[in-house]
Amino acid sequence: MRQHNILLLTIAIVICTTATPTTAREAVSDVATGGFKQIPDINTQEIQEIGRWAVAEHTRQASDGLQFKRVVSGMQQVVSGMNFKLRIEAVNGDGKEGMYRAEVYDQPWTKTRELDYFVPTN
């Protein structure tokens, strides 16, 4: 489904960039370049909530008792929705704090959120 959405977005961008004046074409290009960029403020409620959700989803899948503490850094990528690469601090079932990497895909208008990747960091 994501590949289909990306294809539709790509087609829309091509149409917009060939049929619009230069200033609009530049604006579309800036938004849709697709590269990961540093999240300017990881302390926003939205970013912390996505990190909290990632830990809860991991815990639901792994049944390991991991508990969210905070998102410490992250990057985001505009797609048909948003991809996030987050570095998360969490506490395991033994009370030991650790760092984890999570990748989350979020598309709010369809209420889609997927945990693509979740691993401890060294």
PDB file of N, CA and C in Angstrom:
ATOM      1  N   MET A   1       0.825  -1.187   0.000  1.00  0.00           N
ATOM      2  CA  MET A   1       0.000   0.000   0.000  1.00  0.00           C
ATOM      3  C   MET A   1       0.876   1.261   0.000  1.00  0.00           C
ATOM      4  N   ARG A   2       1.980   1.248   0.756  1.00  0.00           N
ATOM      5  CA  ARG A   2       2.856   2.409   0.810  1.00  0.00           C
ATOM      6  C   ARG A   2       3.499   2.662  -0.542  1.00  0.00           C
ATOM      7  N   GLN A   3       3.883   1.593  -1.243  1.00  0.00           N
ATOM      8  CA  GLN A   3       4.499   1.761  -2.554  1.00  0.00           C
ATOM      9  C   GLN A   3       3.514   2.401  -3.521  1.00  0.00           C
ATOM     10  N   HIS A   4       2.261   1.995  -3.433  1.00  0.00           N
ATOM     11  CA  HIS A   4       1.217   2.573  -4.280  1.00  0.00           C
ATOM     12  C   HIS A   4       1.071   4.059  -3.984  1.00  0.00           C
ATOM     13  N   ASN A   5       1.057   4.430  -2.709  1.00  0.00           N
ATOM     14  CA  ASN A   5       0.926   5.835  -2.321  1.00  0.00           C
ATOM     15  C   ASN A   5       2.128   6.649  -2.784  1.00  0.00           C
ATOM     16  N   ILE A   6       3.317   6.070  -2.686  1.00  0.00           N
ATOM     17  CA  ILE A   6       4.530   6.765  -3.127  1.00  0.00           C
ATOM     18  C   ILE A   6       4.483   6.984  -4.630  1.00  0.00           C
ATOM     19  N   LEU A   7       4.021   5.979  -5.378  1.00  0.00           N
ATOM     20  CA  LEU A   7       3.892   6.108  -6.824  1.00  0.00           C
ATOM     21  C   LEU A   7       2.912   7.230  -7.176  1.00  0.00           C
ATOM     22  N   LEU A   8       1.760   7.270  -6.499  1.00  0.00           N
ATOM     23  CA  LEU A   8       0.790   8.328  -6.763  1.00  0.00           C
ATOM     24  C   LEU A   8       1.365   9.702  -6.436  1.00  0.00           C
ATOM     25  N   LEU A   9       2.091   9.803  -5.336  1.00  0.00           N
ATOM     26  CA  LEU A   9       2.711  11.069  -4.962  1.00  0.00           C
ATOM     27  C   LEU A   9       3.727  11.495  -6.015  1.00  0.00           C
ATOM     28  N   THR A  10       4.521  10.558  -6.495  1.00  0.00           N
ATOM     29  CA  THR A  10       5.530  10.851  -7.515  1.00  0.00           C
ATOM     30  C   THR A  10       4.863  11.361  -8.788  1.00  0.00           C
ATOM     31  N   ILE A  11       3.798  10.706  -9.214  1.00  0.00           N
ATOM     32  CA  ILE A  11       3.077  11.143 -10.414  1.00  0.00           C
ATOM     33  C   ILE A  11       2.530  12.550 -10.214  1.00  0.00           C
ATOM     34  N   ALA A  12       1.937  12.808  -9.051  1.00  0.00           N
ATOM     35  CA  ALA A  12       1.382  14.138  -8.764  1.00  0.00           C
ATOM     36  C   ALA A  12       2.473  15.201  -8.799  1.00  0.00           C
ATOM     37  N   ILE A  13       3.637  14.890  -8.275  1.00  0.00           N
ATOM     38  CA  ILE A  13       4.753  15.850  -8.267  1.00  0.00           C
ATOM     39  C   ILE A  13       5.208  16.142  -9.684  1.00  0.00           C
ATOM     40  N   VAL A  14       5.322  15.103 -10.506  1.00  0.00           N
ATOM     41  CA  VAL A  14       5.738  15.300 -11.898  1.00  0.00           C
ATOM     42  C   VAL A  14       4.741  16.191 -12.618  1.00  0.00           C
ATOM     43  N   ILE A  15       3.461  15.947 -12.428  1.00  0.00           N
ATOM     44  CA  ILE A  15       2.431  16.762 -13.069  1.00  0.00           C
ATOM     45  C   ILE A  15       2.519  18.207 -12.590  1.00  0.00           C
ATOM     46  N   CYS A  16       2.656  18.390 -11.279  1.00  0.00           N
ATOM     47  CA  CYS A  16       2.714  19.749 -10.719  1.00  0.00           C
ATOM     48  C   CYS A  16       3.962  20.500 -11.174  1.00  0.00           C
ATOM     49  N   THR A  17       5.083  19.819 -11.247  1.00  0.00           N
ATOM     50  CA  THR A  17       6.323  20.516 -11.600  1.00  0.00           C
ATOM     51  C   THR A  17       6.391  20.858 -13.076  1.00  0.00           C
ATOM     52  N   THR A  18       5.664  20.153 -13.908  1.00  0.00           N
ATOM     53  CA  THR A  18       5.683  20.480 -15.334  1.00  0.00           C
ATOM     54  C   THR A  18       4.574  21.454 -15.708  1.00  0.00           C
ATOM     55  N   ALA A  19       3.583  21.644 -14.843  1.00  0.00           N
ATOM     56  CA  ALA A  19       2.436  22.472 -15.199  1.00  0.00           C
ATOM     57  C   ALA A  19       2.308  23.729 -14.348  1.00  0.00           C
ATOM     58  N   THR A  20       3.324  24.056 -13.549  1.00  0.00           N
ATOM     59  CA  THR A  20       3.216  25.219 -12.670  1.00  0.00           C
ATOM     60  C   THR A  20       4.374  26.176 -12.913  1.00  0.00           C
ATOM     61  N   PRO A  21       4.219  27.431 -12.513  1.00  0.00           N
ATOM     62  CA  PRO A  21       5.313  28.390 -12.637  1.00  0.00           C
ATOM     63  C   PRO A  21       6.509  27.977 -11.771  1.00  0.00           C
ATOM     64  N   THR A  22       7.657  28.552 -12.036  1.00  0.00           N
ATOM     65  CA  THR A  22       8.898  28.187 -11.370  1.00  0.00           C
ATOM     66  C   THR A  22       8.802  28.262  -9.847  1.00  0.00           C
ATOM     67  N   THR A  23       8.210  29.299  -9.276  1.00  0.00           N
ATOM     68  CA  THR A  23       8.165  29.429  -7.818  1.00  0.00           C
ATOM     69  C   THR A  23       7.371  28.290  -7.188  1.00  0.00           C
ATOM     70  N   ALA A  24       6.257  27.915  -7.759  1.00  0.00           N
ATOM     71  CA  ALA A  24       5.483  26.795  -7.224  1.00  0.00           C
ATOM     72  C   ALA A  24       6.242  25.492  -7.411  1.00  0.00           C
ATOM     73  N   ARG A  25       6.915  25.341  -8.550  1.00  0.00           N
ATOM     74  CA  ARG A  25       7.704  24.141  -8.811  1.00  0.00           C
ATOM     75  C   ARG A  25       8.800  23.990  -7.752  1.00  0.00           C
ATOM     76  N   GLU A  26       9.458  25.092  -7.392  1.00  0.00           N
ATOM     77  CA  GLU A  26      10.497  25.040  -6.365  1.00  0.00           C
ATOM     78  C   GLU A  26       9.915  24.659  -5.015  1.00  0.00           C
ATOM     79  N   ALA A  27       8.721  25.170  -4.688  1.00  0.00           N
ATOM     80  CA  ALA A  27       8.085  24.844  -3.412  1.00  0.00           C
ATOM     81  C   ALA A  27       7.755  23.362  -3.336  1.00  0.00           C
ATOM     82  N   VAL A  28       7.206  22.785  -4.404  1.00  0.00           N
ATOM     83  CA  VAL A  28       6.896  21.359  -4.422  1.00  0.00           C
ATOM     84  C   VAL A  28       8.176  20.553  -4.277  1.00  0.00           C
ATOM     85  N   SER A  29       9.227  20.965  -4.972  1.00  0.00           N
ATOM     86  CA  SER A  29      10.498  20.251  -4.913  1.00  0.00           C
ATOM     87  C   SER A  29      11.070  20.253  -3.498  1.00  0.00           C
ATOM     88  N   ASP A  30      10.976  21.392  -2.805  1.00  0.00           N
ATOM     89  CA  ASP A  30      11.508  21.475  -1.441  1.00  0.00           C
ATOM     90  C   ASP A  30      10.800  20.516  -0.497  1.00  0.00           C
ATOM     91  N   VAL A  31       9.489  20.381  -0.618  1.00  0.00           N
ATOM     92  CA  VAL A  31       8.714  19.532   0.281  1.00  0.00           C
ATOM     93  C   VAL A  31       8.911  18.066  -0.052  1.00  0.00           C
ATOM     94  N   ALA A  32       9.024  17.745  -1.313  1.00  0.00           N
ATOM     95  CA  ALA A  32       8.971  16.354  -1.737  1.00  0.00           C
ATOM     96  C   ALA A  32      10.326  15.748  -2.066  1.00  0.00           C
ATOM     97  N   THR A  33      11.418  16.337  -1.621  1.00  0.00           N
ATOM     98  CA  THR A  33      12.715  15.777  -1.967  1.00  0.00           C
ATOM     99  C   THR A  33      12.916  14.402  -1.356  1.00  0.00           C
ATOM    100  N   GLY A  34      12.278  14.112  -0.235  1.00  0.00           N
ATOM    101  CA  GLY A  34      12.271  12.764   0.306  1.00  0.00           C
ATOM    102  C   GLY A  34      13.456  12.382   1.166  1.00  0.00           C
ATOM    103  N   GLY A  35      14.439  13.243   1.342  1.00  0.00           N
ATOM    104  CA  GLY A  35      15.569  12.895   2.190  1.00  0.00           C
ATOM    105  C   GLY A  35      15.235  13.050   3.662  1.00  0.00           C
ATOM    106  N   PHE A  36      15.920  12.272   4.506  1.00  0.00           N
ATOM    107  CA  PHE A  36      15.723  12.426   5.947  1.00  0.00           C
ATOM    108  C   PHE A  36      16.381  13.709   6.411  1.00  0.00           C
ATOM    109  N   LYS A  37      15.664  14.436   7.282  1.00  0.00           N
ATOM    110  CA  LYS A  37      16.177  15.675   7.859  1.00  0.00           C
ATOM    111  C   LYS A  37      16.039  15.608   9.369  1.00  0.00           C
ATOM    112  N   GLN A  38      16.970  16.249  10.053  1.00  0.00           N
ATOM    113  CA  GLN A  38      16.938  16.302  11.515  1.00  0.00           C
ATOM    114  C   GLN A  38      15.629  16.925  11.994  1.00  0.00           C
ATOM    115  N   ILE A  39      15.017  16.340  13.009  1.00  0.00           N
ATOM    116  CA  ILE A  39      13.820  16.925  13.605  1.00  0.00           C
ATOM    117  C   ILE A  39      14.274  18.144  14.406  1.00  0.00           C
ATOM    118  N   PRO A  40      13.762  19.327  14.078  1.00  0.00           N
ATOM    119  CA  PRO A  40      14.259  20.533  14.733  1.00  0.00           C
ATOM    120  C   PRO A  40      14.004  20.593  16.237  1.00  0.00           C
ATOM    121  N   ASP A  41      12.872  20.062  16.681  1.00  0.00           N
ATOM    122  CA  ASP A  41      12.554  20.096  18.117  1.00  0.00           C
ATOM    123  C   ASP A  41      11.944  18.754  18.508  1.00  0.00           C
ATOM    124  N   ILE A  42      12.769  17.874  19.080  1.00  0.00           N
ATOM    125  CA  ILE A  42      12.289  16.545  19.464  1.00  0.00           C
ATOM    126  C   ILE A  42      11.430  16.580  20.715  1.00  0.00           C
ATOM    127  N   ASN A  43      11.370  17.715  21.378  1.00  0.00           N
ATOM    128  CA  ASN A  43      10.593  17.820  22.616  1.00  0.00           C
ATOM    129  C   ASN A  43       9.133  18.173  22.393  1.00  0.00           C
ATOM    130  N   THR A  44       8.695  18.242  21.142  1.00  0.00           N
ATOM    131  CA  THR A  44       7.281  18.536  20.899  1.00  0.00           C
ATOM    132  C   THR A  44       6.431  17.358  21.365  1.00  0.00           C
ATOM    133  N   GLN A  45       5.192  17.661  21.679  1.00  0.00           N
ATOM    134  CA  GLN A  45       4.261  16.627  22.134  1.00  0.00           C
ATOM    135  C   GLN A  45       4.097  15.553  21.061  1.00  0.00           C
ATOM    136  N   GLU A  46       4.037  15.956  19.784  1.00  0.00           N
ATOM    137  CA  GLU A  46       3.855  15.010  18.680  1.00  0.00           C
ATOM    138  C   GLU A  46       4.998  14.004  18.607  1.00  0.00           C
ATOM    139  N   ILE A  47       6.233  14.480  18.658  1.00  0.00           N
ATOM    140  CA  ILE A  47       7.396  13.586  18.537  1.00  0.00           C
ATOM    141  C   ILE A  47       7.489  12.667  19.750  1.00  0.00           C
ATOM    142  N   GLN A  48       7.283  13.194  20.936  1.00  0.00           N
ATOM    143  CA  GLN A  48       7.339  12.362  22.138  1.00  0.00           C
ATOM    144  C   GLN A  48       6.218  11.309  22.113  1.00  0.00           C
ATOM    145  N   GLU A  49       5.042  11.678  21.598  1.00  0.00           N
ATOM    146  CA  GLU A  49       3.930  10.732  21.520  1.00  0.00           C
ATOM    147  C   GLU A  49       4.229   9.611  20.524  1.00  0.00           C
ATOM    148  N   ILE A  50       4.873   9.944  19.406  1.00  0.00           N
ATOM    149  CA  ILE A  50       5.238   8.908  18.431  1.00  0.00           C
ATOM    150  C   ILE A  50       6.263   7.958  19.048  1.00  0.00           C
ATOM    151  N   GLY A  51       7.219   8.477  19.798  1.00  0.00           N
ATOM    152  CA  GLY A  51       8.183   7.624  20.497  1.00  0.00           C
ATOM    153  C   GLY A  51       7.511   6.744  21.538  1.00  0.00           C
ATOM    154  N   ARG A  52       6.592   7.322  22.284  1.00  0.00           N
ATOM    155  CA  ARG A  52       5.844   6.558  23.290  1.00  0.00           C
ATOM    156  C   ARG A  52       5.059   5.434  22.615  1.00  0.00           C
ATOM    157  N   TRP A  53       4.430   5.745  21.481  1.00  0.00           N
ATOM    158  CA  TRP A  53       3.673   4.749  20.733  1.00  0.00           C
ATOM    159  C   TRP A  53       4.605   3.633  20.241  1.00  0.00           C
ATOM    160  N   ALA A  54       5.796   3.998  19.750  1.00  0.00           N
ATOM    161  CA  ALA A  54       6.746   2.999  19.241  1.00  0.00           C
ATOM    162  C   ALA A  54       7.131   2.007  20.339  1.00  0.00           C
ATOM    163  N   VAL A  55       7.403   2.512  21.532  1.00  0.00           N
ATOM    164  CA  VAL A  55       7.757   1.619  22.644  1.00  0.00           C
ATOM    165  C   VAL A  55       6.567   0.746  23.023  1.00  0.00           C
ATOM    166  N   ALA A  56       5.382   1.329  23.087  1.00  0.00           N
ATOM    167  CA  ALA A  56       4.183   0.556  23.438  1.00  0.00           C
ATOM    168  C   ALA A  56       3.913  -0.531  22.397  1.00  0.00           C
ATOM    169  N   GLU A  57       4.075  -0.197  21.122  1.00  0.00           N
ATOM    170  CA  GLU A  57       3.855  -1.183  20.057  1.00  0.00           C
ATOM    171  C   GLU A  57       4.901  -2.289  20.125  1.00  0.00           C
ATOM    172  N   HIS A  58       6.156  -1.915  20.352  1.00  0.00           N
ATOM    173  CA  HIS A  58       7.209  -2.930  20.524  1.00  0.00           C
ATOM    174  C   HIS A  58       6.879  -3.845  21.696  1.00  0.00           C
ATOM    175  N   THR A  59       6.489  -3.248  22.820  1.00  0.00           N
ATOM    176  CA  THR A  59       6.158  -4.027  24.021  1.00  0.00           C
ATOM    177  C   THR A  59       4.977  -4.950  23.764  1.00  0.00           C
ATOM    178  N   ARG A  60       3.996  -4.471  23.018  1.00  0.00           N
ATOM    179  CA  ARG A  60       2.840  -5.302  22.665  1.00  0.00           C
ATOM    180  C   ARG A  60       3.287  -6.520  21.849  1.00  0.00           C
ATOM    181  N   GLN A  61       4.225  -6.313  20.937  1.00  0.00           N
ATOM    182  CA  GLN A  61       4.695  -7.398  20.076  1.00  0.00           C
ATOM    183  C   GLN A  61       5.658  -8.333  20.803  1.00  0.00           C
ATOM    184  N   ALA A  62       6.533  -7.773  21.635  1.00  0.00           N
ATOM    185  CA  ALA A  62       7.602  -8.565  22.262  1.00  0.00           C
ATOM    186  C   ALA A  62       7.287  -9.012  23.678  1.00  0.00           C
ATOM    187  N   SER A  63       6.291  -8.420  24.305  1.00  0.00           N
ATOM    188  CA  SER A  63       5.930  -8.728  25.700  1.00  0.00           C
ATOM    189  C   SER A  63       7.149  -8.691  26.619  1.00  0.00           C
ATOM    190  N   ASP A  64       7.946  -7.624  26.511  1.00  0.00           N
ATOM    191  CA  ASP A  64       9.175  -7.545  27.315  1.00  0.00           C
ATOM    192  C   ASP A  64       9.137  -6.493  28.414  1.00  0.00           C
ATOM    193  N   GLY A  65       8.004  -5.814  28.598  1.00  0.00           N
ATOM    194  CA  GLY A  65       7.861  -4.870  29.696  1.00  0.00           C
ATOM    195  C   GLY A  65       8.617  -3.570  29.539  1.00  0.00           C
ATOM    196  N   LEU A  66       9.111  -3.269  28.343  1.00  0.00           N
ATOM    197  CA  LEU A  66       9.843  -2.027  28.110  1.00  0.00           C
ATOM    198  C   LEU A  66       8.918  -0.831  28.344  1.00  0.00           C
ATOM    199  N   GLN A  67       9.455   0.227  28.971  1.00  0.00           N
ATOM    200  CA  GLN A  67       8.668   1.425  29.249  1.00  0.00           C
ATOM    201  C   GLN A  67       9.363   2.658  28.683  1.00  0.00           C
ATOM    202  N   PHE A  68       8.606   3.482  28.017  1.00  0.00           N
ATOM    203  CA  PHE A  68       9.103   4.702  27.393  1.00  0.00           C
ATOM    204  C   PHE A  68       9.596   5.697  28.434  1.00  0.00           C
ATOM    205  N   LYS A  69      10.721   6.337  28.122  1.00  0.00           N
ATOM    206  CA  LYS A  69      11.200   7.433  28.952  1.00  0.00           C
ATOM    207  C   LYS A  69      11.155   8.738  28.149  1.00  0.00           C
ATOM    208  N   ARG A  70      11.841   8.773  26.980  1.00  0.00           N
ATOM    209  CA  ARG A  70      11.793   9.977  26.144  1.00  0.00           C
ATOM    210  C   ARG A  70      12.483   9.726  24.808  1.00  0.00           C
ATOM    211  N   VAL A  71      12.114  10.534  23.817  1.00  0.00           N
ATOM    212  CA  VAL A  71      12.834  10.561  22.539  1.00  0.00           C
ATOM    213  C   VAL A  71      13.998  11.520  22.726  1.00  0.00           C
ATOM    214  N   VAL A  72      15.212  11.081  22.399  1.00  0.00           N
ATOM    215  CA  VAL A  72      16.384  11.929  22.595  1.00  0.00           C
ATOM    216  C   VAL A  72      16.878  12.572  21.299  1.00  0.00           C
ATOM    217  N   SER A  73      16.574  11.968  20.153  1.00  0.00           N
ATOM    218  CA  SER A  73      16.939  12.566  18.871  1.00  0.00           C
ATOM    219  C   SER A  73      16.149  11.873  17.774  1.00  0.00           C
ATOM    220  N   GLY A  74      16.160  12.483  16.598  1.00  0.00           N
ATOM    221  CA  GLY A  74      15.436  11.849  15.511  1.00  0.00           C
ATOM    222  C   GLY A  74      15.545  12.586  14.195  1.00  0.00           C
ATOM    223  N   MET A  75      15.149  11.863  13.155  1.00  0.00           N
ATOM    224  CA  MET A  75      15.097  12.408  11.811  1.00  0.00           C
ATOM    225  C   MET A  75      13.723  12.094  11.238  1.00  0.00           C
ATOM    226  N   GLN A  76      13.318  12.904  10.258  1.00  0.00           N
ATOM    227  CA  GLN A  76      12.020  12.682   9.626  1.00  0.00           C
ATOM    228  C   GLN A  76      12.161  12.807   8.120  1.00  0.00           C
ATOM    229  N   GLN A  77      11.266  12.116   7.414  1.00  0.00           N
ATOM    230  CA  GLN A  77      11.265  12.114   5.957  1.00  0.00           C
ATOM    231  C   GLN A  77       9.825  12.253   5.472  1.00  0.00           C
ATOM    232  N   VAL A  78       9.603  13.232   4.612  1.00  0.00           N
ATOM    233  CA  VAL A  78       8.278  13.416   4.021  1.00  0.00           C
ATOM    234  C   VAL A  78       8.095  12.370   2.928  1.00  0.00           C
ATOM    235  N   VAL A  79       7.046  11.585   3.065  1.00  0.00           N
ATOM    236  CA  VAL A  79       6.628  10.637   2.037  1.00  0.00           C
ATOM    237  C   VAL A  79       5.124  10.854   1.908  1.00  0.00           C
ATOM    238  N   SER A  80       4.376   9.851   1.565  1.00  0.00           N
ATOM    239  CA  SER A  80       2.923   9.986   1.619  1.00  0.00           C
ATOM    240  C   SER A  80       2.549   9.750   3.077  1.00  0.00           C
ATOM    241  N   GLY A  81       2.842  10.742   3.886  1.00  0.00           N
ATOM    242  CA  GLY A  81       2.815  10.639   5.336  1.00  0.00           C
ATOM    243  C   GLY A  81       4.195  11.052   5.808  1.00  0.00           C
ATOM    244  N   MET A  82       4.687  10.428   6.870  1.00  0.00           N
ATOM    245  CA  MET A  82       5.997  10.786   7.397  1.00  0.00           C
ATOM    246  C   MET A  82       6.692   9.545   7.942  1.00  0.00           C
ATOM    247  N   ASN A  83       7.969   9.418   7.605  1.00  0.00           N
ATOM    248  CA  ASN A  83       8.813   8.391   8.211  1.00  0.00           C
ATOM    249  C   ASN A  83       9.630   9.056   9.304  1.00  0.00           C
ATOM    250  N   PHE A  84       9.782   8.363  10.418  1.00  0.00           N
ATOM    251  CA  PHE A  84      10.586   8.860  11.524  1.00  0.00           C
ATOM    252  C   PHE A  84      11.647   7.832  11.880  1.00  0.00           C
ATOM    253  N   LYS A  85      12.873   8.287  12.104  1.00  0.00           N
ATOM    254  CA  LYS A  85      13.941   7.481  12.687  1.00  0.00           C
ATOM    255  C   LYS A  85      14.224   8.126  14.040  1.00  0.00           C
ATOM    256  N   LEU A  86      13.914   7.390  15.105  1.00  0.00           N
ATOM    257  CA  LEU A  86      14.008   7.963  16.443  1.00  0.00           C
ATOM    258  C   LEU A  86      15.019   7.210  17.298  1.00  0.00           C
ATOM    259  N   ARG A  87      15.689   7.950  18.158  1.00  0.00           N
ATOM    260  CA  ARG A  87      16.532   7.361  19.201  1.00  0.00           C
ATOM    261  C   ARG A  87      15.773   7.593  20.497  1.00  0.00           C
ATOM    262  N   ILE A  88      15.458   6.483  21.163  1.00  0.00           N
ATOM    263  CA  ILE A  88      14.553   6.518  22.313  1.00  0.00           C
ATOM    264  C   ILE A  88      15.240   5.965  23.551  1.00  0.00           C
ATOM    265  N   GLU A  89      15.033   6.642  24.665  1.00  0.00           N
ATOM    266  CA  GLU A  89      15.485   6.141  25.957  1.00  0.00           C
ATOM    267  C   GLU A  89      14.298   5.443  26.612  1.00  0.00           C
ATOM    268  N   ALA A  90      14.534   4.223  27.102  1.00  0.00           N
ATOM    269  CA  ALA A  90      13.460   3.445  27.723  1.00  0.00           C
ATOM    270  C   ALA A  90      14.044   2.625  28.876  1.00  0.00           C
ATOM    271  N   VAL A  91      13.145   2.071  29.674  1.00  0.00           N
ATOM    272  CA  VAL A  91      13.534   1.280  30.844  1.00  0.00           C
ATOM    273  C   VAL A  91      12.988  -0.135  30.651  1.00  0.00           C
ATOM    274  N   ASN A  92      13.868  -1.145  30.822  1.00  0.00           N
ATOM    275  CA  ASN A  92      13.407  -2.523  30.643  1.00  0.00           C
ATOM    276  C   ASN A  92      12.737  -3.044  31.914  1.00  0.00           C
ATOM    277  N   GLY A  93      12.255  -4.274  31.866  1.00  0.00           N
ATOM    278  CA  GLY A  93      11.527  -4.873  32.980  1.00  0.00           C
ATOM    279  C   GLY A  93      12.339  -4.988  34.253  1.00  0.00           C
ATOM    280  N   ASP A  94      13.683  -4.987  34.152  1.00  0.00           N
ATOM    281  CA  ASP A  94      14.557  -5.060  35.319  1.00  0.00           C
ATOM    282  C   ASP A  94      14.911  -3.677  35.871  1.00  0.00           C
ATOM    283  N   GLY A  95      14.337  -2.624  35.275  1.00  0.00           N
ATOM    284  CA  GLY A  95      14.618  -1.270  35.734  1.00  0.00           C
ATOM    285  C   GLY A  95      15.872  -0.663  35.140  1.00  0.00           C
ATOM    286  N   LYS A  96      16.491  -1.340  34.177  1.00  0.00           N
ATOM    287  CA  LYS A  96      17.713  -0.837  33.549  1.00  0.00           C
ATOM    288  C   LYS A  96      17.362   0.058  32.360  1.00  0.00           C
ATOM    289  N   GLU A  97      17.947   1.274  32.346  1.00  0.00           N
ATOM    290  CA  GLU A  97      17.718   2.197  31.242  1.00  0.00           C
ATOM    291  C   GLU A  97      18.569   1.788  30.049  1.00  0.00           C
ATOM    292  N   GLY A  98      18.039   2.039  28.862  1.00  0.00           N
ATOM    293  CA  GLY A  98      18.771   1.737  27.643  1.00  0.00           C
ATOM    294  C   GLY A  98      18.309   2.613  26.504  1.00  0.00           C
ATOM    295  N   MET A  99      19.092   2.585  25.421  1.00  0.00           N
ATOM    296  CA  MET A  99      18.767   3.355  24.232  1.00  0.00           C
ATOM    297  C   MET A  99      18.314   2.401  23.130  1.00  0.00           C
ATOM    298  N   TYR A 100      17.355   2.860  22.345  1.00  0.00           N
ATOM    299  CA  TYR A 100      16.758   2.049  21.290  1.00  0.00           C
ATOM    300  C   TYR A 100      16.585   2.887  20.039  1.00  0.00           C
ATOM    301  N   ARG A 101      16.661   2.226  18.891  1.00  0.00           N
ATOM    302  CA  ARG A 101      16.373   2.874  17.612  1.00  0.00           C
ATOM    303  C   ARG A 101      15.038   2.359  17.114  1.00  0.00           C
ATOM    304  N   ALA A 102      14.214   3.282  16.672  1.00  0.00           N
ATOM    305  CA  ALA A 102      12.899   2.908  16.143  1.00  0.00           C
ATOM    306  C   ALA A 102      12.669   3.636  14.830  1.00  0.00           C
ATOM    307  N   GLU A 103      11.993   2.946  13.919  1.00  0.00           N
ATOM    308  CA  GLU A 103      11.539   3.574  12.684  1.00  0.00           C
ATOM    309  C   GLU A 103      10.028   3.426  12.628  1.00  0.00           C
ATOM    310  N   VAL A 104       9.355   4.547  12.449  1.00  0.00           N
ATOM    311  CA  VAL A 104       7.893   4.591  12.459  1.00  0.00           C
ATOM    312  C   VAL A 104       7.411   5.283  11.193  1.00  0.00           C
ATOM    313  N   TYR A 105       6.391   4.709  10.571  1.00  0.00           N
ATOM    314  CA  TYR A 105       5.694   5.354   9.459  1.00  0.00           C
ATOM    315  C   TYR A 105       4.372   5.863   9.998  1.00  0.00           C
ATOM    316  N   ASP A 106       4.054   7.137   9.721  1.00  0.00           N
ATOM    317  CA  ASP A 106       2.829   7.741  10.245  1.00  0.00           C
ATOM    318  C   ASP A 106       2.107   8.476   9.124  1.00  0.00           C
ATOM    319  N   GLN A 107       0.821   8.172   8.978  1.00  0.00           N
ATOM    320  CA  GLN A 107      -0.034   8.850   8.013  1.00  0.00           C
ATOM    321  C   GLN A 107      -1.332   9.217   8.738  1.00  0.00           C
ATOM    322  N   PRO A 108      -1.356  10.393   9.380  1.00  0.00           N
ATOM    323  CA  PRO A 108      -2.475  10.764  10.245  1.00  0.00           C
ATOM    324  C   PRO A 108      -3.844  10.787   9.560  1.00  0.00           C
ATOM    325  N   TRP A 109      -3.911  11.223   8.307  1.00  0.00           N
ATOM    326  CA  TRP A 109      -5.221  11.359   7.665  1.00  0.00           C
ATOM    327  C   TRP A 109      -5.883  10.022   7.367  1.00  0.00           C
ATOM    328  N   THR A 110      -5.114   8.909   7.382  1.00  0.00           N
ATOM    329  CA  THR A 110      -5.717   7.583   7.241  1.00  0.00           C
ATOM    330  C   THR A 110      -5.655   6.806   8.550  1.00  0.00           C
ATOM    331  N   LYS A 111      -5.142   7.470   9.591  1.00  0.00           N
ATOM    332  CA  LYS A 111      -4.963   6.838  10.904  1.00  0.00           C
ATOM    333  C   LYS A 111      -4.100   5.584  10.799  1.00  0.00           C
ATOM    334  N   THR A 112      -3.066   5.676   9.958  1.00  0.00           N
ATOM    335  CA  THR A 112      -2.117   4.583   9.776  1.00  0.00           C
ATOM    336  C   THR A 112      -0.833   4.903  10.525  1.00  0.00           C
ATOM    337  N   ARG A 113      -0.392   3.966  11.320  1.00  0.00           N
ATOM    338  CA  ARG A 113       0.904   4.087  12.002  1.00  0.00           C
ATOM    339  C   ARG A 113       1.497   2.693  12.073  1.00  0.00           C
ATOM    340  N   GLU A 114       2.744   2.572  11.626  1.00  0.00           N
ATOM    341  CA  GLU A 114       3.404   1.269  11.599  1.00  0.00           C
ATOM    342  C   GLU A 114       4.784   1.369  12.235  1.00  0.00           C
ATOM    343  N   LEU A 115       5.110   0.370  13.034  1.00  0.00           N
ATOM    344  CA  LEU A 115       6.449   0.250  13.595  1.00  0.00           C
ATOM    345  C   LEU A 115       7.247  -0.628  12.641  1.00  0.00           C
ATOM    346  N   ASP A 116       8.179  -0.024  11.912  1.00  0.00           N
ATOM    347  CA  ASP A 116       8.945  -0.761  10.911  1.00  0.00           C
ATOM    348  C   ASP A 116      10.202  -1.404  11.490  1.00  0.00           C
ATOM    349  N   TYR A 117      10.691  -0.870  12.614  1.00  0.00           N
ATOM    350  CA  TYR A 117      11.989  -1.306  13.110  1.00  0.00           C
ATOM    351  C   TYR A 117      12.102  -0.875  14.570  1.00  0.00           C
ATOM    352  N   PHE A 118      12.610  -1.743  15.427  1.00  0.00           N
ATOM    353  CA  PHE A 118      12.835  -1.379  16.823  1.00  0.00           C
ATOM    354  C   PHE A 118      13.936  -2.280  17.380  1.00  0.00           C
ATOM    355  N   VAL A 119      15.095  -1.695  17.714  1.00  0.00           N
ATOM    356  CA  VAL A 119      16.223  -2.485  18.233  1.00  0.00           C
ATOM    357  C   VAL A 119      16.974  -1.696  19.297  1.00  0.00           C
ATOM    358  N   PRO A 120      17.619  -2.407  20.217  1.00  0.00           N
ATOM    359  CA  PRO A 120      18.487  -1.702  21.174  1.00  0.00           C
ATOM    360  C   PRO A 120      19.747  -1.200  20.471  1.00  0.00           C
ATOM    361  N   THR A 121      20.307  -0.097  20.968  1.00  0.00           N
ATOM    362  CA  THR A 121      21.577   0.397  20.448  1.00  0.00           C
ATOM    363  C   THR A 121      22.666   0.034  21.437  1.00  0.00           C
ATOM    364  N   ASN A 122      23.863   0.028  20.965  1.00  0.00           N
ATOM    365  CA  ASN A 122      24.998  -0.348  21.842  1.00  0.00           C
ATOM    366  C   ASN A 122      25.454   0.791  22.698  1.00  0.00           C
TER     367      ASN A 122
END
